[in-house]
Amino acid sequence: MLPLVYHLGYDLNLGSHVFPAQKYRLIRERLADWPVQTPEPATDNQVLLVHTPAWTAALRDGTLTPRQIQTLEIPWSPEMARGFWLAAGGTLLAGRLALTHGGAYNIGGGFHHAFPNHGEGFCALHDVAIAIRALQAEGLIERAIVVDTDVHHGNGTAAIFATDPSVFTLSIHQQNNYPAIKPPSDLDLPLADGVGDDEYLAILQPAVEQAVASFQPDILFYVAGADPYYDDQLGGLDLSIAGLEARDQAVFAAARRRRIPIAVTLAGGYARRVEDTVTIQTNTALALYKTLSSYE
C-alpha cells in the first residue's frame, strides 16, 4: 500500500477562510482504509537549513509584524505555527519513505510561496525545500527535482534554489495570476487564461519527460495543486477532474519509468465545493498507487 503521512495538526486553525484547511482531514477520511504514518514536527535546525533565524523565531513565537501577517494572508496562532512545522516534518518523512518504497504521499504541505525570510500567499515555511535540504544534509540524496503543478507560480521555490545546481525546479502555472513577481524557475511553463486538459497535458508531459531524463534526480518532489480546476476560486485555468488525474499520472509515469522516487505534497485547492478539492487530491494518491503498482 502507498505510504501516507498525516497529522491532525495539519489543520491551520484558520476559521472562515478561502484556504480550506479542513481538506486534510477530509482526504484522510476518504483514504481511511490506508495505513498512515504520523510525522514529528521539523526541528528548528532543519527549518534553519532554509529559513532565516529571524523569520523562524518570529513565526514560532508569534511576534510577526502586521506587515508580515498581511503578506502571509493568514492569521497567526499557536496551532497555525505548529501546523507548518508539522507539514515540514511530514514532507521530510514522505521523502524518506519515498526513497524506501518508491513513492509516498503527504496529506499536506506544498507551501511553495514561502521565502527564507518571510511568508506569502498562505505559505509560512517551505516544507519541500526543508525536506530537500535535510535529505541532502543526511547524505540520502544529492540531486532533487521539484515539479510544481499548482495554478500559481512557485516563486519561493524558484528563489530558494535559484543558484543551486543540485535542485531543478519546474513550474507550470497560469501566467496572469498570483504572484505578481515570478522569479525564474529552471523551467517555467506559463499558461494563458482558460487553458484546458488537452493543451495543458501537451505542454506538461514532454517537459517533465525531458527534465527528469536530462537531470537524473535522486528524488522528485511533486507539488500537486488542485487549483488548475475549472471551478477553482483562485484559478483561471479550465482543467477537469479527469484532466487533473491525467496530469498526475503523466508526472508519476515519467519518474517511475526511470525508477525515480516520488514524494507528493498537496499545495493549493480552492474549489467552490470543497468536496471537489478533496476528490482531486484523493485522486492524486490513487494515481500514485496505480503508478507504483505498474512499475514494480
Protein backbone atom coordinates (compact mmCIF):
# COMPACT_ATOMS: atom_id res chain seq x y z
CA MET A 1 0.00 0.00 0.00
CA LEU A 2 1.17 3.55 -0.72
CA PRO A 3 2.79 5.15 2.36
CA LEU A 4 0.62 8.02 3.64
CA VAL A 5 1.76 10.74 6.02
CA TYR A 6 -0.78 12.71 8.04
CA HIS A 7 -1.27 14.57 11.32
CA LEU A 8 -4.44 16.09 12.77
CA GLY A 9 -2.36 19.18 13.45
CA TYR A 10 -2.12 19.94 9.72
CA ASP A 11 -5.31 21.96 10.17
CA LEU A 12 -4.01 25.53 10.41
CA ASN A 13 -6.96 26.68 12.54
CA LEU A 14 -7.93 29.41 10.08
CA GLY A 15 -11.65 29.53 10.73
CA SER A 16 -13.65 31.03 7.85
CA HIS A 17 -11.00 31.46 5.17
CA VAL A 18 -10.67 30.74 1.44
CA PHE A 19 -7.91 28.25 2.29
CA PRO A 20 -9.86 25.09 3.25
CA ALA A 21 -7.53 23.62 5.88
CA GLN A 22 -10.23 21.06 6.74
CA LYS A 23 -9.43 19.36 3.43
CA TYR A 24 -6.55 17.46 5.03
CA ARG A 25 -8.90 15.68 7.44
CA LEU A 26 -11.43 15.04 4.67
CA ILE A 27 -8.80 13.50 2.40
CA ARG A 28 -7.65 11.27 5.24
CA GLU A 29 -11.26 10.19 5.75
CA ARG A 30 -11.53 9.29 2.04
CA LEU A 31 -8.40 7.15 2.47
CA ALA A 32 -9.43 5.76 5.84
CA ASP A 33 -8.57 2.16 4.93
CA TRP A 34 -4.96 3.05 4.12
CA PRO A 35 -2.32 2.90 6.87
CA VAL A 36 -0.83 6.24 7.82
CA GLN A 37 2.40 7.34 9.45
CA THR A 38 2.34 10.30 11.84
CA PRO A 39 5.18 12.81 11.47
CA GLU A 40 7.05 14.68 14.13
CA PRO A 41 7.39 18.44 13.62
CA ALA A 42 10.51 19.50 11.78
CA THR A 43 13.23 20.57 14.18
CA ASP A 44 14.31 24.19 14.28
CA ASN A 45 17.71 23.10 12.98
CA GLN A 46 16.01 21.57 9.94
CA VAL A 47 13.90 24.69 9.38
CA LEU A 48 17.06 26.80 9.60
CA LEU A 49 18.55 24.91 6.66
CA VAL A 50 16.20 27.08 4.57
CA HIS A 51 14.79 29.93 6.67
CA THR A 52 16.48 32.79 8.47
CA PRO A 53 16.75 32.76 12.27
CA ALA A 54 14.68 35.95 12.49
CA TRP A 55 11.77 34.58 10.44
CA THR A 56 11.88 31.20 12.17
CA ALA A 57 11.74 32.80 15.63
CA ALA A 58 9.00 35.29 14.72
CA LEU A 59 6.81 32.56 13.25
CA ARG A 60 7.40 30.17 16.12
CA ASP A 61 6.86 32.77 18.85
CA GLY A 62 4.04 34.79 17.28
CA THR A 63 5.96 38.06 17.01
CA LEU A 64 5.13 38.71 13.35
CA THR A 65 4.61 42.32 12.37
CA PRO A 66 1.27 43.44 10.91
CA ARG A 67 3.00 43.80 7.52
CA GLN A 68 4.31 40.23 7.71
CA ILE A 69 0.84 38.91 8.55
CA GLN A 70 -0.68 40.94 5.72
CA THR A 71 1.81 39.43 3.26
CA LEU A 72 1.25 35.94 4.62
CA GLU A 73 -2.53 36.42 4.31
CA ILE A 74 -3.45 34.14 7.22
CA PRO A 75 -3.69 34.95 10.92
CA TRP A 76 -1.07 33.72 13.38
CA SER A 77 -1.99 31.29 16.13
CA PRO A 78 -0.05 28.60 18.00
CA GLU A 79 -1.99 25.98 16.02
CA MET A 80 -1.07 27.69 12.75
CA ALA A 81 2.63 27.75 13.60
CA ARG A 82 2.65 24.14 14.75
CA GLY A 83 0.82 23.14 11.57
CA PHE A 84 3.65 24.48 9.42
CA TRP A 85 6.32 22.73 11.49
CA LEU A 86 4.30 19.51 11.21
CA ALA A 87 3.85 19.93 7.44
CA ALA A 88 7.60 20.30 7.04
CA GLY A 89 8.19 17.22 9.17
CA GLY A 90 5.56 15.38 7.12
CA THR A 91 7.14 16.24 3.79
CA LEU A 92 10.54 15.17 5.10
CA LEU A 93 9.05 11.87 6.28
CA ALA A 94 7.38 11.42 2.88
CA GLY A 95 10.75 11.96 1.24
CA ARG A 96 12.38 9.31 3.40
CA LEU A 97 9.53 6.87 2.75
CA ALA A 98 9.68 7.53 -0.99
CA LEU A 99 13.37 6.61 -1.05
CA THR A 100 12.49 3.28 0.55
CA HIS A 101 9.15 2.46 -1.11
CA GLY A 102 9.39 4.29 -4.44
CA GLY A 103 6.71 6.82 -3.53
CA ALA A 104 4.90 8.44 -0.61
CA TYR A 105 2.05 10.92 -0.19
CA ASN A 106 1.95 13.67 2.42
CA ILE A 107 -1.65 14.74 3.04
CA GLY A 108 -0.41 18.29 3.44
CA GLY A 109 2.48 20.55 2.54
CA GLY A 110 3.43 22.10 -0.77
CA PHE A 111 3.83 25.61 0.68
CA HIS A 112 5.73 26.92 -2.32
CA HIS A 113 5.32 30.68 -1.75
CA ALA A 114 7.45 30.72 1.42
CA PHE A 115 10.79 32.54 1.16
CA PRO A 116 13.76 32.20 3.53
CA ASN A 117 12.96 35.47 5.32
CA HIS A 118 9.17 35.77 5.01
CA GLY A 119 5.93 34.02 4.10
CA GLU A 120 3.50 34.81 1.29
CA GLY A 121 0.20 33.54 -0.06
CA PHE A 122 -0.79 31.25 2.85
CA CYS A 123 2.74 29.74 2.96
CA ALA A 124 4.93 30.30 6.03
CA LEU A 125 7.55 27.52 5.85
CA HIS A 126 8.77 25.94 2.62
CA ASP A 127 8.32 22.29 3.56
CA VAL A 128 9.65 20.91 0.27
CA ALA A 129 12.86 22.95 0.48
CA ILE A 130 13.33 21.94 4.12
CA ALA A 131 12.89 18.27 3.19
CA ILE A 132 15.37 18.51 0.31
CA ARG A 133 17.98 20.28 2.41
CA ALA A 134 17.56 17.81 5.27
CA LEU A 135 17.84 14.78 2.97
CA GLN A 136 20.94 16.28 1.37
CA ALA A 137 22.47 17.02 4.79
CA GLU A 138 21.85 13.42 5.84
CA GLY A 139 23.56 12.15 2.69
CA LEU A 140 20.40 10.39 1.46
CA ILE A 141 20.19 12.35 -1.80
CA GLU A 142 22.37 14.63 -3.88
CA ARG A 143 20.01 15.87 -6.59
CA ALA A 144 16.29 16.63 -6.47
CA ILE A 145 13.69 17.90 -8.91
CA VAL A 146 10.59 19.85 -7.89
CA VAL A 147 7.65 19.59 -10.30
CA ASP A 148 5.05 22.19 -9.34
CA THR A 149 1.62 21.98 -10.96
CA ASP A 150 -0.18 24.45 -8.71
CA VAL A 151 -2.04 27.11 -10.72
CA HIS A 152 0.19 29.73 -9.06
CA HIS A 153 3.88 30.08 -9.85
CA GLY A 154 6.23 28.56 -7.25
CA ASN A 155 8.03 31.80 -6.52
CA GLY A 156 9.51 30.73 -3.19
CA THR A 157 10.84 27.51 -4.69
CA ALA A 158 12.44 29.37 -7.58
CA ALA A 159 14.06 31.92 -5.27
CA ILE A 160 15.41 29.39 -2.77
CA PHE A 161 17.06 27.18 -5.38
CA ALA A 162 17.97 29.88 -7.92
CA THR A 163 21.73 29.35 -7.69
CA ASP A 164 21.74 25.68 -6.68
CA PRO A 165 22.65 23.25 -9.48
CA SER A 166 21.70 20.27 -7.29
CA VAL A 167 17.97 21.12 -7.46
CA PHE A 168 15.96 21.51 -10.68
CA THR A 169 12.71 23.49 -10.41
CA LEU A 170 9.81 23.23 -12.86
CA SER A 171 6.62 25.27 -12.55
CA ILE A 172 3.58 25.04 -14.83
CA HIS A 173 1.17 27.79 -13.89
CA GLN A 174 -1.29 30.41 -15.07
CA GLN A 175 0.78 33.43 -16.07
CA ASN A 176 -1.92 36.02 -15.35
CA ASN A 177 -2.29 35.11 -11.69
CA TYR A 178 -0.59 35.42 -8.30
CA PRO A 179 2.23 36.15 -7.59
CA ALA A 180 2.85 39.39 -9.45
CA ILE A 181 6.63 38.89 -9.37
CA LYS A 182 7.74 35.47 -10.60
CA PRO A 183 11.45 34.77 -10.18
CA PRO A 184 12.61 32.30 -12.83
CA SER A 185 12.49 28.58 -12.19
CA ASP A 186 14.89 26.34 -14.08
CA LEU A 187 11.92 25.64 -16.36
CA ASP A 188 8.78 27.76 -16.35
CA LEU A 189 5.72 26.78 -18.38
CA PRO A 190 3.44 29.85 -18.20
CA LEU A 191 -0.09 29.29 -19.46
CA ALA A 192 -2.70 31.67 -20.84
CA ASP A 193 -6.05 32.02 -19.10
CA GLY A 194 -8.53 29.25 -19.80
CA VAL A 195 -6.14 26.50 -20.89
CA GLY A 196 -7.90 23.12 -20.71
CA ASP A 197 -6.99 19.46 -20.41
CA ASP A 198 -5.55 18.69 -23.83
CA GLU A 199 -3.38 21.77 -24.23
CA TYR A 200 -2.17 21.53 -20.62
CA LEU A 201 -1.07 17.90 -20.96
CA ALA A 202 0.54 18.54 -24.35
CA ILE A 203 2.74 21.19 -22.72
CA LEU A 204 3.45 19.44 -19.42
CA GLN A 205 4.14 15.84 -20.41
CA PRO A 206 7.12 16.32 -22.77
CA ALA A 207 8.63 18.96 -20.48
CA VAL A 208 8.59 16.64 -17.46
CA GLU A 209 9.89 13.72 -19.52
CA GLN A 210 12.82 15.77 -20.79
CA ALA A 211 13.58 17.31 -17.38
CA VAL A 212 13.76 14.02 -15.47
CA ALA A 213 15.68 12.30 -18.26
CA SER A 214 18.34 15.01 -18.51
CA PHE A 215 18.65 15.98 -14.84
CA GLN A 216 18.50 12.41 -13.43
CA PRO A 217 17.46 13.35 -9.89
CA ASP A 218 17.61 11.08 -6.87
CA ILE A 219 14.04 12.06 -5.95
CA LEU A 220 11.11 14.01 -7.39
CA PHE A 221 9.01 16.23 -5.14
CA TYR A 222 5.59 16.79 -6.67
CA VAL A 223 3.62 19.91 -5.67
CA ALA A 224 0.16 18.72 -6.69
CA GLY A 225 -2.08 21.76 -6.57
CA ALA A 226 -5.78 21.15 -7.18
CA ASP A 227 -6.35 24.74 -8.29
CA PRO A 228 -5.97 24.39 -12.09
CA TYR A 229 -9.53 23.01 -11.77
CA TYR A 230 -12.11 24.90 -13.83
CA ASP A 231 -14.24 25.76 -10.76
CA ASP A 232 -11.43 26.98 -8.50
CA GLN A 233 -12.00 30.34 -6.82
CA LEU A 234 -8.35 31.44 -7.12
CA GLY A 235 -7.56 29.92 -10.50
CA GLY A 236 -8.24 30.74 -14.11
CA LEU A 237 -7.46 27.51 -15.96
CA ASP A 238 -10.04 25.06 -17.25
CA LEU A 239 -8.93 21.57 -16.25
CA SER A 240 -11.46 18.88 -15.41
CA ILE A 241 -11.15 16.38 -12.58
CA ALA A 242 -10.22 13.73 -15.16
CA GLY A 243 -7.66 16.06 -16.70
CA LEU A 244 -6.05 16.68 -13.32
CA GLU A 245 -5.79 12.95 -12.73
CA ALA A 246 -4.16 12.54 -16.16
CA ARG A 247 -1.72 15.31 -15.18
CA ASP A 248 -0.73 13.37 -12.06
CA GLN A 249 -0.34 10.13 -13.96
CA ALA A 250 1.90 11.81 -16.56
CA VAL A 251 4.27 13.16 -13.92
CA PHE A 252 4.37 9.88 -11.99
CA ALA A 253 4.97 7.76 -15.07
CA ALA A 254 7.83 9.99 -16.23
CA ALA A 255 9.55 9.49 -12.88
CA ARG A 256 8.84 5.81 -12.29
CA ARG A 257 9.97 4.72 -15.76
CA ARG A 258 13.40 5.82 -14.54
CA ARG A 259 12.96 4.44 -11.01
CA ILE A 260 12.96 7.94 -9.51
CA PRO A 261 11.24 8.03 -6.08
CA ILE A 262 8.26 10.39 -5.80
CA ALA A 263 7.22 12.40 -2.74
CA VAL A 264 3.84 14.12 -3.13
CA THR A 265 2.67 17.29 -1.38
CA LEU A 266 -0.70 18.94 -1.95
CA ALA A 267 -0.38 22.73 -2.29
CA GLY A 268 -3.46 24.77 -3.20
CA GLY A 269 -7.07 23.93 -3.94
CA TYR A 270 -9.95 26.38 -3.53
CA ALA A 271 -12.85 24.84 -5.42
CA ARG A 272 -16.27 26.34 -4.74
CA ARG A 273 -17.24 22.92 -3.42
CA VAL A 274 -14.56 21.70 -1.02
CA GLU A 275 -15.62 18.16 -1.94
CA ASP A 276 -14.17 18.74 -5.42
CA THR A 277 -10.79 19.71 -3.97
CA VAL A 278 -10.88 16.62 -1.78
CA THR A 279 -11.72 14.42 -4.77
CA ILE A 280 -8.92 15.90 -6.89
CA GLN A 281 -6.29 15.45 -4.21
CA THR A 282 -7.51 12.00 -3.22
CA ASN A 283 -7.24 11.03 -6.89
CA THR A 284 -3.58 12.08 -6.75
CA ALA A 285 -2.94 9.42 -4.10
CA LEU A 286 -4.79 6.81 -6.13
CA ALA A 287 -2.82 7.73 -9.27
CA LEU A 288 0.48 7.38 -7.43
CA TYR A 289 -0.57 4.00 -6.03
CA LYS A 290 -1.55 2.77 -9.50
CA THR A 291 1.71 4.01 -11.00
CA LEU A 292 3.86 2.40 -8.32
CA SER A 293 1.98 -0.88 -8.82
CA SER A 294 2.51 -0.71 -12.59
CA TYR A 295 6.26 -0.17 -12.35
CA GLU A 296 7.14 -2.65 -9.60
